[in-house]
C-alpha atoms as a PDB file:
ATOM      1  CA  MET A   1     -49.989 -43.006 -35.952  1.00  0.00           C
ATOM      2  CA  PRO A   2     -51.419 -46.471 -36.740  1.00  0.00           C
ATOM      3  CA  SER A   3     -53.044 -46.750 -40.158  1.00  0.00           C
ATOM      4  CA  GLY A   4     -56.077 -48.733 -41.204  1.00  0.00           C
ATOM      5  CA  PRO A   5     -59.750 -48.561 -40.325  1.00  0.00           C
ATOM      6  CA  ARG A   6     -60.678 -47.601 -36.780  1.00  0.00           C
ATOM      7  CA  THR A   7     -63.063 -49.739 -34.771  1.00  0.00           C
ATOM      8  CA  VAL A   8     -66.186 -47.759 -34.004  1.00  0.00           C
ATOM      9  CA  LEU A   9     -66.275 -46.977 -30.302  1.00  0.00           C
ATOM     10  CA  THR A  10     -69.462 -47.994 -28.524  1.00  0.00           C
ATOM     11  CA  ARG A  11     -70.803 -47.593 -25.003  1.00  0.00           C
ATOM     12  CA  ARG A  12     -70.472 -51.344 -24.508  1.00  0.00           C
ATOM     13  CA  ALA A  13     -66.806 -51.264 -25.541  1.00  0.00           C
ATOM     14  CA  VAL A  14     -66.149 -48.451 -23.066  1.00  0.00           C
ATOM     15  CA  LEU A  15     -67.869 -50.364 -20.254  1.00  0.00           C
ATOM     16  CA  ASP A  16     -66.036 -53.578 -21.157  1.00  0.00           C
ATOM     17  CA  ALA A  17     -62.680 -51.791 -21.000  1.00  0.00           C
ATOM     18  CA  ALA A  18     -63.574 -50.008 -17.764  1.00  0.00           C
ATOM     19  CA  ALA A  19     -64.689 -53.290 -16.163  1.00  0.00           C
ATOM     20  CA  GLU A  20     -61.385 -54.891 -17.151  1.00  0.00           C
ATOM     21  CA  VAL A  21     -59.399 -52.041 -15.575  1.00  0.00           C
ATOM     22  CA  VAL A  22     -61.395 -52.368 -12.344  1.00  0.00           C
ATOM     23  CA  ARG A  23     -61.089 -56.158 -12.391  1.00  0.00           C
ATOM     24  CA  ARG A  24     -57.340 -55.963 -12.925  1.00  0.00           C
ATOM     25  CA  ASP A  25     -56.309 -52.978 -10.817  1.00  0.00           C
ATOM     26  CA  GLY A  26     -59.285 -51.900  -8.682  1.00  0.00           C
ATOM     27  CA  PRO A  27     -61.651 -48.892  -8.874  1.00  0.00           C
ATOM     28  CA  ASP A  28     -59.004 -46.332  -7.877  1.00  0.00           C
ATOM     29  CA  ALA A  29     -57.042 -47.144 -11.038  1.00  0.00           C
ATOM     30  CA  LEU A  30     -59.949 -46.169 -13.282  1.00  0.00           C
ATOM     31  CA  THR A  31     -59.360 -42.700 -14.725  1.00  0.00           C
ATOM     32  CA  MET A  32     -60.859 -41.181 -17.832  1.00  0.00           C
ATOM     33  CA  ARG A  33     -57.434 -40.486 -19.349  1.00  0.00           C
ATOM     34  CA  GLY A  34     -56.223 -43.994 -18.576  1.00  0.00           C
ATOM     35  CA  LEU A  35     -59.351 -45.510 -20.049  1.00  0.00           C
ATOM     36  CA  ALA A  36     -59.014 -43.416 -23.193  1.00  0.00           C
ATOM     37  CA  ALA A  37     -55.422 -44.607 -23.566  1.00  0.00           C
ATOM     38  CA  GLU A  38     -56.567 -48.192 -23.034  1.00  0.00           C
ATOM     39  CA  LEU A  39     -59.083 -47.789 -25.874  1.00  0.00           C
ATOM     40  CA  GLY A  40     -56.794 -45.742 -28.094  1.00  0.00           C
ATOM     41  CA  THR A  41     -59.242 -42.860 -28.293  1.00  0.00           C
ATOM     42  CA  ALA A  42     -59.703 -39.300 -27.032  1.00  0.00           C
ATOM     43  CA  VAL A  43     -61.019 -38.542 -23.559  1.00  0.00           C
ATOM     44  CA  THR A  44     -63.864 -36.598 -25.137  1.00  0.00           C
ATOM     45  CA  SER A  45     -65.060 -39.791 -26.837  1.00  0.00           C
ATOM     46  CA  ILE A  46     -65.320 -41.502 -23.438  1.00  0.00           C
ATOM     47  CA  TYR A  47     -67.386 -38.612 -22.072  1.00  0.00           C
ATOM     48  CA  TRP A  48     -69.613 -38.734 -25.126  1.00  0.00           C
ATOM     49  CA  HIS A  49     -70.513 -42.394 -24.556  1.00  0.00           C
ATOM     50  CA  VAL A  50     -70.727 -42.643 -20.764  1.00  0.00           C
ATOM     51  CA  GLY A  51     -70.490 -39.164 -19.248  1.00  0.00           C
ATOM     52  CA  GLY A  52     -68.065 -38.423 -16.414  1.00  0.00           C
ATOM     53  CA  ARG A  53     -66.293 -40.848 -14.093  1.00  0.00           C
ATOM     54  CA  GLU A  54     -69.172 -41.013 -11.596  1.00  0.00           C
ATOM     55  CA  ALA A  55     -71.623 -41.833 -14.383  1.00  0.00           C
ATOM     56  CA  LEU A  56     -69.203 -44.484 -15.630  1.00  0.00           C
ATOM     57  CA  LEU A  57     -68.964 -46.048 -12.167  1.00  0.00           C
ATOM     58  CA  ASP A  58     -72.769 -46.003 -11.868  1.00  0.00           C
ATOM     59  CA  ALA A  59     -73.028 -47.797 -15.216  1.00  0.00           C
ATOM     60  CA  LEU A  60     -70.506 -50.431 -14.101  1.00  0.00           C
ATOM     61  CA  VAL A  61     -72.458 -50.981 -10.892  1.00  0.00           C
ATOM     62  CA  GLU A  62     -75.737 -51.368 -12.799  1.00  0.00           C
ATOM     63  CA  ARG A  63     -74.136 -53.869 -15.159  1.00  0.00           C
ATOM     64  CA  THR A  64     -72.643 -55.859 -12.295  1.00  0.00           C
ATOM     65  CA  MET A  65     -76.023 -56.082 -10.582  1.00  0.00           C
ATOM     66  CA  ALA A  66     -77.711 -57.043 -13.851  1.00  0.00           C
ATOM     67  CA  GLY A  67     -75.222 -59.915 -14.189  1.00  0.00           C
ATOM     68  CA  LEU A  68     -76.051 -61.140 -10.711  1.00  0.00           C
ATOM     69  CA  GLY A  69     -79.710 -60.925 -11.631  1.00  0.00           C
ATOM     70  CA  GLU A  70     -79.254 -63.631 -14.276  1.00  0.00           C
ATOM     71  CA  ILE A  71     -79.018 -66.359 -11.615  1.00  0.00           C
ATOM     72  CA  ARG A  72     -81.691 -68.974 -12.261  1.00  0.00           C
ATOM     73  CA  PRO A  73     -82.321 -72.202 -10.292  1.00  0.00           C
ATOM     74  CA  SER A  74     -81.912 -75.513 -12.108  1.00  0.00           C
ATOM     75  CA  GLY A  75     -82.054 -79.123 -10.976  1.00  0.00           C
ATOM     76  CA  ARG A  76     -84.616 -81.766 -10.046  1.00  0.00           C
ATOM     77  CA  THR A  77     -84.608 -81.400  -6.262  1.00  0.00           C
ATOM     78  CA  PRO A  78     -84.705 -78.379  -3.920  1.00  0.00           C
ATOM     79  CA  GLU A  79     -81.194 -79.262  -2.739  1.00  0.00           C
ATOM     80  CA  GLN A  80     -79.826 -79.306  -6.307  1.00  0.00           C
ATOM     81  CA  ARG A  81     -81.544 -76.050  -7.239  1.00  0.00           C
ATOM     82  CA  VAL A  82     -80.377 -74.178  -4.117  1.00  0.00           C
ATOM     83  CA  LEU A  83     -76.848 -75.527  -4.600  1.00  0.00           C
ATOM     84  CA  GLY A  84     -76.957 -74.246  -8.182  1.00  0.00           C
ATOM     85  CA  VAL A  85     -78.007 -70.768  -7.029  1.00  0.00           C
ATOM     86  CA  ALA A  86     -75.293 -70.792  -4.347  1.00  0.00           C
ATOM     87  CA  ARG A  87     -72.606 -71.875  -6.824  1.00  0.00           C
ATOM     88  CA  ALA A  88     -73.640 -69.227  -9.349  1.00  0.00           C
ATOM     89  CA  LEU A  89     -73.592 -66.496  -6.707  1.00  0.00           C
ATOM     90  CA  ARG A  90     -70.194 -67.632  -5.408  1.00  0.00           C
ATOM     91  CA  ARG A  91     -68.770 -67.683  -8.938  1.00  0.00           C
ATOM     92  CA  ARG A  92     -69.941 -64.148  -9.685  1.00  0.00           C
ATOM     93  CA  LEU A  93     -68.630 -62.806  -6.378  1.00  0.00           C
ATOM     94  CA  ARG A  94     -65.261 -64.479  -6.972  1.00  0.00           C
ATOM     95  CA  ASP A  95     -64.998 -63.442 -10.621  1.00  0.00           C
ATOM     96  CA  HIS A  96     -65.617 -59.735  -9.951  1.00  0.00           C
ATOM     97  CA  PRO A  97     -64.292 -58.854  -6.470  1.00  0.00           C
ATOM     98  CA  HIS A  98     -63.421 -55.238  -7.303  1.00  0.00           C
ATOM     99  CA  LEU A  99     -66.760 -54.618  -9.002  1.00  0.00           C
ATOM    100  CA  VAL A 100     -68.598 -56.179  -6.061  1.00  0.00           C
ATOM    101  CA  ALA A 101     -66.576 -53.948  -3.716  1.00  0.00           C
ATOM    102  CA  LEU A 102     -67.607 -50.975  -5.860  1.00  0.00           C
ATOM    103  CA  VAL A 103     -71.267 -51.939  -5.505  1.00  0.00           C
ATOM    104  CA  HIS A 104     -70.790 -52.173  -1.736  1.00  0.00           C
ATOM    105  CA  GLU A 105     -69.054 -48.783  -1.536  1.00  0.00           C
ATOM    106  CA  ARG A 106     -71.992 -47.175  -3.303  1.00  0.00           C
ATOM    107  CA  GLY A 107     -74.474 -48.553  -0.772  1.00  0.00           C
ATOM    108  CA  LEU A 108     -76.145 -51.022  -3.133  1.00  0.00           C
ATOM    109  CA  THR A 109     -75.142 -54.355  -1.587  1.00  0.00           C
ATOM    110  CA  GLU A 110     -78.662 -55.358  -0.547  1.00  0.00           C
ATOM    111  CA  ARG A 111     -80.021 -54.527  -3.981  1.00  0.00           C
ATOM    112  CA  MET A 112     -77.220 -56.561  -5.567  1.00  0.00           C
ATOM    113  CA  PHE A 113     -78.238 -59.674  -3.642  1.00  0.00           C
ATOM    114  CA  LEU A 114     -81.976 -59.246  -4.261  1.00  0.00           C
ATOM    115  CA  PRO A 115     -82.187 -61.438  -7.421  1.00  0.00           C
ATOM    116  CA  ALA A 116     -80.436 -64.352  -5.694  1.00  0.00           C
ATOM    117  CA  GLN A 117     -82.642 -63.851  -2.642  1.00  0.00           C
ATOM    118  CA  ARG A 118     -85.757 -63.973  -4.829  1.00  0.00           C
ATOM    119  CA  ALA A 119     -84.584 -67.241  -6.389  1.00  0.00           C
ATOM    120  CA  LEU A 120     -84.052 -68.672  -2.905  1.00  0.00           C
ATOM    121  CA  VAL A 121     -87.495 -67.443  -1.778  1.00  0.00           C
ATOM    122  CA  GLY A 122     -89.014 -69.428  -4.640  1.00  0.00           C
ATOM    123  CA  GLU A 123     -87.188 -72.555  -3.496  1.00  0.00           C
ATOM    124  CA  ALA A 124     -88.176 -71.971   0.138  1.00  0.00           C
ATOM    125  CA  HIS A 125     -91.846 -71.685  -0.843  1.00  0.00           C
ATOM    126  CA  ALA A 126     -91.602 -74.757  -3.090  1.00  0.00           C
ATOM    127  CA  ALA A 127     -90.265 -76.682  -0.097  1.00  0.00           C
ATOM    128  CA  GLY A 128     -93.192 -75.530   2.055  1.00  0.00           C
ATOM    129  CA  LEU A 129     -91.363 -72.926   4.124  1.00  0.00           C
ATOM    130  CA  ARG A 130     -93.191 -69.705   4.979  1.00  0.00           C
ATOM    131  CA  GLY A 131     -92.689 -66.593   7.060  1.00  0.00           C
ATOM    132  CA  ALA A 132     -89.741 -66.448   9.447  1.00  0.00           C
ATOM    133  CA  ARG A 133     -88.537 -69.952   8.511  1.00  0.00           C
ATOM    134  CA  ALA A 134     -88.392 -69.002   4.830  1.00  0.00           C
ATOM    135  CA  ALA A 135     -86.512 -65.786   5.677  1.00  0.00           C
ATOM    136  CA  GLU A 136     -84.042 -67.770   7.790  1.00  0.00           C
ATOM    137  CA  PHE A 137     -83.526 -70.174   4.897  1.00  0.00           C
ATOM    138  CA  VAL A 138     -82.803 -67.376   2.412  1.00  0.00           C
ATOM    139  CA  ARG A 139     -80.402 -65.505   4.687  1.00  0.00           C
ATOM    140  CA  ALA A 140     -78.591 -68.596   5.905  1.00  0.00           C
ATOM    141  CA  VAL A 141     -77.758 -69.661   2.345  1.00  0.00           C
ATOM    142  CA  GLN A 142     -76.732 -66.120   1.361  1.00  0.00           C
ATOM    143  CA  PHE A 143     -74.502 -65.713   4.418  1.00  0.00           C
ATOM    144  CA  GLN A 144     -72.935 -69.131   3.808  1.00  0.00           C
ATOM    145  CA  VAL A 145     -71.976 -68.128   0.267  1.00  0.00           C
ATOM    146  CA  VAL A 146     -70.660 -64.676   1.182  1.00  0.00           C
ATOM    147  CA  GLY A 147     -68.766 -65.961   4.214  1.00  0.00           C
ATOM    148  CA  HIS A 148     -67.153 -68.730   2.173  1.00  0.00           C
ATOM    149  CA  VAL A 149     -66.044 -66.270  -0.518  1.00  0.00           C
ATOM    150  CA  LEU A 150     -64.576 -63.901   2.078  1.00  0.00           C
ATOM    151  CA  VAL A 151     -62.566 -66.722   3.677  1.00  0.00           C
ATOM    152  CA  GLU A 152     -61.358 -67.873   0.244  1.00  0.00           C
ATOM    153  CA  ARG A 153     -60.243 -64.356  -0.668  1.00  0.00           C
ATOM    154  CA  HIS A 154     -58.498 -63.924   2.691  1.00  0.00           C
ATOM    155  CA  ARG A 155     -56.587 -67.189   2.262  1.00  0.00           C
ATOM    156  CA  GLU A 156     -55.573 -66.350  -1.296  1.00  0.00           C
ATOM    157  CA  ARG A 157     -54.287 -62.894  -0.358  1.00  0.00           C
ATOM    158  CA  ALA A 158     -52.592 -63.870   2.902  1.00  0.00           C
ATOM    159  CA  PRO A 159     -48.780 -64.041   3.037  1.00  0.00           C
ATOM    160  CA  ALA A 160     -47.116 -67.441   3.054  1.00  0.00           C
ATOM    161  CA  GLN A 161     -47.744 -69.084   6.419  1.00  0.00           C
ATOM    162  CA  ARG A 162     -44.794 -70.304   8.483  1.00  0.00           C
ATOM    163  CA  PRO A 163     -45.306 -72.950   9.637  1.00  0.00           C
ATOM    164  CA  GLY A 164     -47.895 -74.041   7.075  1.00  0.00           C
ATOM    165  CA  GLU A 165     -50.769 -76.417   7.678  1.00  0.00           C
ATOM    166  CA  GLU A 166     -48.708 -79.361   6.458  1.00  0.00           C
ATOM    167  CA  GLU A 167     -46.243 -78.720   9.304  1.00  0.00           C
ATOM    168  CA  LEU A 168     -48.785 -78.007  12.020  1.00  0.00           C
ATOM    169  CA  TRP A 169     -50.695 -81.257  12.030  1.00  0.00           C
ATOM    170  CA  GLY A 170     -49.299 -84.476  13.456  1.00  0.00           C
ATOM    171  CA  ALA A 171     -51.220 -87.498  14.709  1.00  0.00           C
ATOM    172  CA  GLU A 172     -50.873 -86.294  18.296  1.00  0.00           C
ATOM    173  CA  ASP A 173     -52.394 -82.926  17.375  1.00  0.00           C
ATOM    174  CA  ALA A 174     -55.436 -84.617  15.814  1.00  0.00           C
ATOM    175  CA  GLY A 175     -56.404 -86.682  18.848  1.00  0.00           C
ATOM    176  CA  GLY A 176     -54.447 -89.727  17.722  1.00  0.00           C
ATOM    177  CA  ASP A 177     -56.211 -89.780  14.330  1.00  0.00           C
ATOM    178  CA  PRO A 178     -53.425 -89.965  11.690  1.00  0.00           C
ATOM    179  CA  ALA A 179     -55.891 -89.965   8.760  1.00  0.00           C
ATOM    180  CA  LEU A 180     -57.410 -86.719  10.073  1.00  0.00           C
ATOM    181  CA  ALA A 181     -53.919 -85.227  10.498  1.00  0.00           C
ATOM    182  CA  ARG A 182     -53.003 -86.112   6.914  1.00  0.00           C
ATOM    183  CA  ALA A 183     -56.263 -84.642   5.598  1.00  0.00           C
ATOM    184  CA  LEU A 184     -55.809 -81.385   7.517  1.00  0.00           C
ATOM    185  CA  ALA A 185     -52.232 -81.103   6.264  1.00  0.00           C
ATOM    186  CA  ARG A 186     -53.353 -81.203   2.620  1.00  0.00           C
ATOM    187  CA  PRO A 187     -54.417 -78.042   0.709  1.00  0.00           C
ATOM    188  CA  VAL A 188     -58.090 -77.164   1.116  1.00  0.00           C
ATOM    189  CA  ASP A 189     -60.389 -78.228  -1.717  1.00  0.00           C
ATOM    190  CA  THR A 190     -62.569 -75.118  -1.483  1.00  0.00           C
ATOM    191  CA  GLU A 191     -65.042 -76.261  -4.159  1.00  0.00           C
ATOM    192  CA  ARG A 192     -65.718 -79.549  -2.400  1.00  0.00           C
ATOM    193  CA  LEU A 193     -65.885 -77.855   1.001  1.00  0.00           C
ATOM    194  CA  PHE A 194     -68.358 -75.288  -0.345  1.00  0.00           C
ATOM    195  CA  THR A 195     -70.601 -77.992  -1.799  1.00  0.00           C
ATOM    196  CA  THR A 196     -70.500 -80.026   1.419  1.00  0.00           C
ATOM    197  CA  ALA A 197     -71.350 -77.004   3.577  1.00  0.00           C
ATOM    198  CA  VAL A 198     -74.234 -75.782   1.407  1.00  0.00           C
ATOM    199  CA  ARG A 199     -75.744 -79.266   1.091  1.00  0.00           C
ATOM    200  CA  ALA A 200     -75.583 -79.813   4.854  1.00  0.00           C
ATOM    201  CA  LEU A 201     -77.097 -76.404   5.498  1.00  0.00           C
ATOM    202  CA  VAL A 202     -79.954 -76.909   3.031  1.00  0.00           C
ATOM    203  CA  ARG A 203     -80.772 -80.366   4.399  1.00  0.00           C
ATOM    204  CA  ALA A 204     -80.873 -79.016   7.933  1.00  0.00           C
ATOM    205  CA  LEU A 205     -83.054 -76.050   6.963  1.00  0.00           C
ATOM    206  CA  LEU A 206     -85.491 -78.207   4.983  1.00  0.00           C
ATOM    207  CA  ALA A 207     -85.771 -80.892   7.665  1.00  0.00           C
ATOM    208  CA  PRO A 208     -89.155 -81.112   9.432  1.00  0.00           C
ATOM    209  CA  HIS A 209     -89.294 -78.426  12.095  1.00  0.00           C
ATOM    210  CA  VAL A 210     -89.881 -79.519  15.664  1.00  0.00           C
ATOM    211  CA  ASP A 211     -90.614 -76.868  18.279  1.00  0.00           C
ATOM    212  CA  PRO A 212     -88.492 -77.217  21.443  1.00  0.00           C
END
């Protein structure tokens, strides 16, 4: 048995350890016995601080959603502020994929996105958008972020491609544009691509509306 003073176990320490297990191995790997071993304590101590496994999962979900709720716009222009919200949302979705999946499995996805949506509503109103146009603005930005993250995750988890992009693109395949072929053969700069896509989307959505 290790000697020396024991660190006092707290609810926060239990949740931190549980979140790390889920982040590392996924929700199915989270067991009360495994968590107790991770913390070097008895299972009964885990129950004392957080209740059973379902209560623990609920607490993790609440904490994940609270973290997403900390998104705040910053910047001098509507474009900068919306891009900041989009980047923050993307970062949180990428940093906690298993926890986000857990939120989704428990039917709380829409609630999870509500804080980011509210921030975007504020920017839509500040830009003079109202009603259906404001709703379209909010959802378009949200879908752009989520779709980008899903594509990123798919590419990262996909098996090695044979042939790869660097082998697929020649000048003849790019309409006689060798610079385009070289660019498409290089690895994707997902950060730059994300910024370009969100900026273009925001500019288009904030442009003066002309009825057909």
